[in-house]
Each structure stands twice: as structure tokens, then as C-alpha cells.
Amino acid sequence: MGWADRPLGGVIVGVAMNEQPKDEGIVLTEAQKRTRRSRSIAIALVLAALVVLFYAMTLVKGPIVLIRPI
């Protein structure tokens, strides 16, 4: 139990469900993690500011935007 044997492209593949991957990949330093987090927060703030700007512009223009020649 715990093994999934399933043909994949004609090849039998066995993978244990509770096995952790042996390759850890790229491991970030604490400084890189902080930089990534601050960059993500900055992007989120810019996106939030754009949402607020578009919402405010919609309120300022009002329903006149819908009255236009086709």
C-alpha cells in the first residue's frame, strides 16, 4: 500500500506517496526572502492603488459613460 503504479506513456512509474523529493531545488537566503516579500507587497500596493483609481474614475465620470454614439 502507498505505492501508485500506473502506466505513463508505456512506462511503469512507481512513486511513494509519503516520499519527499530528494532535490531541494534553489534555497533562498533570508535576505532574498525579505527582498521577495517586500517586492510582492509593493506590487500588491500598486495593484490596489490602480483598483482604487479606476473605481474613483468610474464614480467621477458617472453614468454619462454609457450614453455615447455607437
Protein backbone atom coordinates (compact mmCIF):
# COMPACT_ATOMS: atom_id res chain seq x y z
CA MET A 1 0.00 0.00 0.00
CA GLY A 2 1.13 3.53 -0.57
CA TRP A 3 2.64 2.90 -4.00
CA ALA A 4 0.99 4.18 -7.13
CA ASP A 5 1.93 2.06 -10.13
CA ARG A 6 0.37 3.43 -13.23
CA PRO A 7 1.47 3.21 -16.87
CA LEU A 8 2.56 6.58 -18.16
CA GLY A 9 3.37 6.59 -21.85
CA GLY A 10 4.00 2.84 -21.81
CA VAL A 11 6.36 3.08 -18.82
CA ILE A 12 5.52 1.76 -15.36
CA VAL A 13 6.13 4.51 -12.82
CA GLY A 14 6.32 3.84 -9.08
CA VAL A 15 6.02 6.78 -6.71
CA ALA A 16 5.64 6.50 -2.96
CA MET A 17 3.02 8.90 -1.67
CA ASN A 18 4.89 9.63 1.54
CA GLU A 19 8.33 10.12 -0.05
CA GLN A 20 9.71 13.63 0.00
CA PRO A 21 11.60 14.87 -3.07
CA LYS A 22 15.33 14.43 -2.64
CA ASP A 23 16.22 17.55 -4.65
CA GLU A 24 15.50 20.69 -2.62
CA GLY A 25 15.97 22.98 -5.62
CA ILE A 26 17.01 26.56 -5.07
CA VAL A 27 17.18 27.58 -1.42
CA LEU A 28 16.84 31.31 -0.80
CA THR A 29 18.79 33.16 1.86
CA GLU A 30 16.94 35.22 4.46
CA ALA A 31 17.91 38.45 2.67
CA GLN A 32 16.48 37.11 -0.60
CA LYS A 33 13.27 36.07 1.16
CA ARG A 34 12.90 39.56 2.66
CA THR A 35 13.54 41.15 -0.74
CA ARG A 36 10.97 38.89 -2.42
CA ARG A 37 8.40 39.67 0.28
CA SER A 38 8.91 43.42 0.07
CA ARG A 39 8.69 43.27 -3.75
CA SER A 40 5.44 41.30 -3.52
CA ILE A 41 4.00 43.81 -1.05
CA ALA A 42 4.99 46.70 -3.34
CA ILE A 43 3.30 45.04 -6.33
CA ALA A 44 0.16 44.38 -4.26
CA LEU A 45 0.03 48.03 -3.15
CA VAL A 46 0.41 49.28 -6.73
CA LEU A 47 -2.38 46.97 -7.90
CA ALA A 48 -4.63 48.10 -5.06
CA ALA A 49 -3.92 51.74 -5.94
CA LEU A 50 -4.88 51.05 -9.57
CA VAL A 51 -8.14 49.43 -8.48
CA VAL A 52 -8.97 52.45 -6.30
CA LEU A 53 -8.03 54.83 -9.14
CA PHE A 54 -10.24 53.03 -11.67
CA TYR A 55 -13.11 52.89 -9.18
CA ALA A 56 -12.79 56.60 -8.40
CA MET A 57 -12.66 57.47 -12.10
CA THR A 58 -15.81 55.45 -12.67
CA LEU A 59 -17.59 57.30 -9.86
CA VAL A 60 -16.43 60.70 -11.15
CA LYS A 61 -17.50 60.05 -14.74
CA GLY A 62 -20.82 58.60 -13.62
CA PRO A 63 -23.44 57.10 -15.91
CA ILE A 64 -22.59 59.57 -18.70
CA VAL A 65 -20.08 56.99 -19.91
CA LEU A 66 -22.96 54.75 -21.02
CA ILE A 67 -24.52 57.48 -23.21
CA ARG A 68 -22.44 57.51 -26.37
CA PRO A 69 -22.95 57.08 -30.11
CA ILE A 70 -22.43 53.60 -31.46
